[in-house]
Each structure stands twice: as C-alpha cells, then as structure tokens.
Amino acid sequence: MGWLEILGMVILGATAVAAVISLALVTYDTIKEWVNEKKNKHPDARTVEVIKEKLSNGKYVVICGVFGAQGKQLETQKWEAKELDSKLKEKFGQKNKIVLDLNEV
C-alpha cells in the first residue's frame, strides 16, 4: 500500500494510523524521537517516509511511516498541527514527501 492510499484511508477515518496527535507545532525532533522508539522495536526497519499536507483549515497533517527491508509498513503515526518547525520545513523544501534513511534520524 502506498502513501497516497494510506493518506486517503486516514482522511476517511480508517484505522491505518494508531492515533492522531494534535499539537501546536510538529517538530523534526518529535518525528525523530518517535522514529528512534520504533527503530528499537523493529530491528528490520530500514526507511522512514514522511508526508505532509496542508488542510483547508490551515493546519498541517504529517504522517510518518517506518518500513522494513521488504517495504512492509511496520509503524505509522499521524500528527495534526497549526505549524511545522523550521528544521522540518527545511527537510521538506518544496516537496510533500521525504524518504529518510534510518541513519539520518
């Protein structure tokens, strides 16, 4: 299942994501801490994909997924916030999706 399908499921209210965490600000460090926790839980984890979408109400939805060696989705988390911190904005640049190696996080 690709990120667009996951995002569609999340927006439609499916249970693809364990919980939605509402924050005033989503930070790169918040994502990094979550990923490091999941990386320790899943020794076969290889990559991290992060997507963002700006909603019509001005808030951002950020979805982060940890994937294994075979591309299997191991963990997913969704945050909703009014703003992204400068480091996260820098990582995204003009893109809505970034793929990180676990060594980067």
Protein backbone atom coordinates (compact mmCIF):
# COMPACT_ATOMS: atom_id res chain seq x y z
CA MET A 1 0.00 0.00 0.00
CA GLY A 2 1.44 3.37 -0.96
CA TRP A 3 1.37 6.64 0.94
CA LEU A 4 -1.45 8.08 -1.12
CA GLU A 5 -3.66 5.14 -0.20
CA ILE A 6 -2.67 5.44 3.45
CA LEU A 7 -3.37 9.17 3.45
CA GLY A 8 -6.75 8.51 1.83
CA MET A 9 -7.60 5.95 4.49
CA VAL A 10 -6.56 8.32 7.27
CA ILE A 11 -8.59 11.19 5.85
CA LEU A 12 -11.61 8.91 5.50
CA GLY A 13 -11.23 7.86 9.12
CA ALA A 14 -9.93 4.31 8.67
CA THR A 15 -7.67 2.81 11.32
CA ALA A 16 -4.43 2.81 9.30
CA VAL A 17 -2.86 5.03 11.94
CA ALA A 18 -2.89 4.10 15.61
CA ALA A 19 -3.56 7.61 16.92
CA VAL A 20 -3.78 11.21 15.85
CA ILE A 21 -1.76 13.55 17.99
CA SER A 22 -2.77 17.21 17.87
CA LEU A 23 -0.01 19.72 18.53
CA ALA A 24 0.53 23.43 18.08
CA LEU A 25 3.84 22.65 16.33
CA VAL A 26 5.19 19.48 14.72
CA THR A 27 8.95 19.44 15.07
CA TYR A 28 11.66 17.41 13.39
CA ASP A 29 12.73 16.31 16.88
CA THR A 30 9.22 14.98 17.61
CA ILE A 31 9.42 12.82 14.49
CA LYS A 32 12.99 11.80 15.28
CA GLU A 33 12.07 10.67 18.81
CA TRP A 34 9.10 8.66 17.53
CA VAL A 35 11.20 7.03 14.79
CA ASN A 36 14.00 6.12 17.19
CA GLU A 37 11.49 4.45 19.52
CA LYS A 38 10.07 2.41 16.62
CA LYS A 39 13.53 1.63 15.22
CA ASN A 40 14.44 -0.03 18.54
CA LYS A 41 11.21 -2.01 18.47
CA HIS A 42 11.73 -3.23 14.87
CA PRO A 43 15.30 -4.36 14.12
CA ASP A 44 14.30 -4.97 10.48
CA ALA A 45 13.31 -1.31 9.97
CA ARG A 46 15.12 0.29 7.02
CA THR A 47 13.45 3.50 5.87
CA VAL A 48 11.22 6.28 7.07
CA GLU A 49 8.70 8.07 4.87
CA VAL A 50 7.16 11.33 5.98
CA ILE A 51 4.39 13.15 4.16
CA LYS A 52 2.70 16.46 4.86
CA GLU A 53 -0.47 18.03 3.67
CA LYS A 54 -1.79 21.50 4.38
CA LEU A 55 -5.50 21.30 5.04
CA SER A 56 -8.11 23.86 4.01
CA ASN A 57 -8.38 24.98 7.66
CA GLY A 58 -4.69 25.99 7.57
CA LYS A 59 -3.47 23.12 9.73
CA TYR A 60 -0.93 20.54 8.65
CA VAL A 61 -1.26 16.78 8.73
CA VAL A 62 2.07 14.96 8.98
CA ILE A 63 2.18 11.18 8.61
CA CYS A 64 5.31 9.22 9.35
CA GLY A 65 5.83 5.56 8.49
CA VAL A 66 8.62 3.14 9.32
CA PHE A 67 9.19 0.46 6.69
CA GLY A 68 11.10 -2.82 6.77
CA ALA A 69 13.59 -4.27 4.32
CA GLN A 70 10.87 -5.72 2.09
CA GLY A 71 8.89 -2.47 2.05
CA LYS A 72 6.46 -3.71 4.69
CA GLN A 73 4.91 -0.94 6.77
CA LEU A 74 5.88 -1.56 10.39
CA GLU A 75 4.58 1.53 12.20
CA THR A 76 2.68 4.70 11.32
CA GLN A 77 1.91 7.88 13.24
CA LYS A 78 -0.15 10.94 12.34
CA TRP A 79 0.22 14.42 13.78
CA GLU A 80 -2.01 17.42 13.16
CA ALA A 81 -0.69 20.88 13.94
CA LYS A 82 -1.00 24.55 13.17
CA GLU A 83 2.65 24.79 12.11
CA LEU A 84 5.84 22.90 11.24
CA ASP A 85 9.18 23.87 12.79
CA SER A 86 11.92 25.38 10.63
CA LYS A 87 14.04 22.19 10.51
CA LEU A 88 11.07 20.11 9.30
CA LYS A 89 10.19 22.78 6.72
CA GLU A 90 13.80 22.69 5.55
CA LYS A 91 13.73 18.89 5.19
CA PHE A 92 10.56 19.06 3.09
CA GLY A 93 11.59 22.04 0.98
CA GLN A 94 9.00 22.22 -1.82
CA LYS A 95 8.14 18.51 -1.54
CA ASN A 96 5.21 16.93 0.28
CA LYS A 97 7.03 13.62 0.85
CA ILE A 98 10.51 12.80 2.10
CA VAL A 99 12.22 9.44 2.47
CA LEU A 100 14.86 9.17 5.17
CA ASP A 101 17.41 6.50 5.86
CA LEU A 102 17.21 5.38 9.47
CA ASN A 103 20.82 6.52 9.93
CA GLU A 104 19.67 10.09 9.21
CA VAL A 105 17.18 10.08 12.04
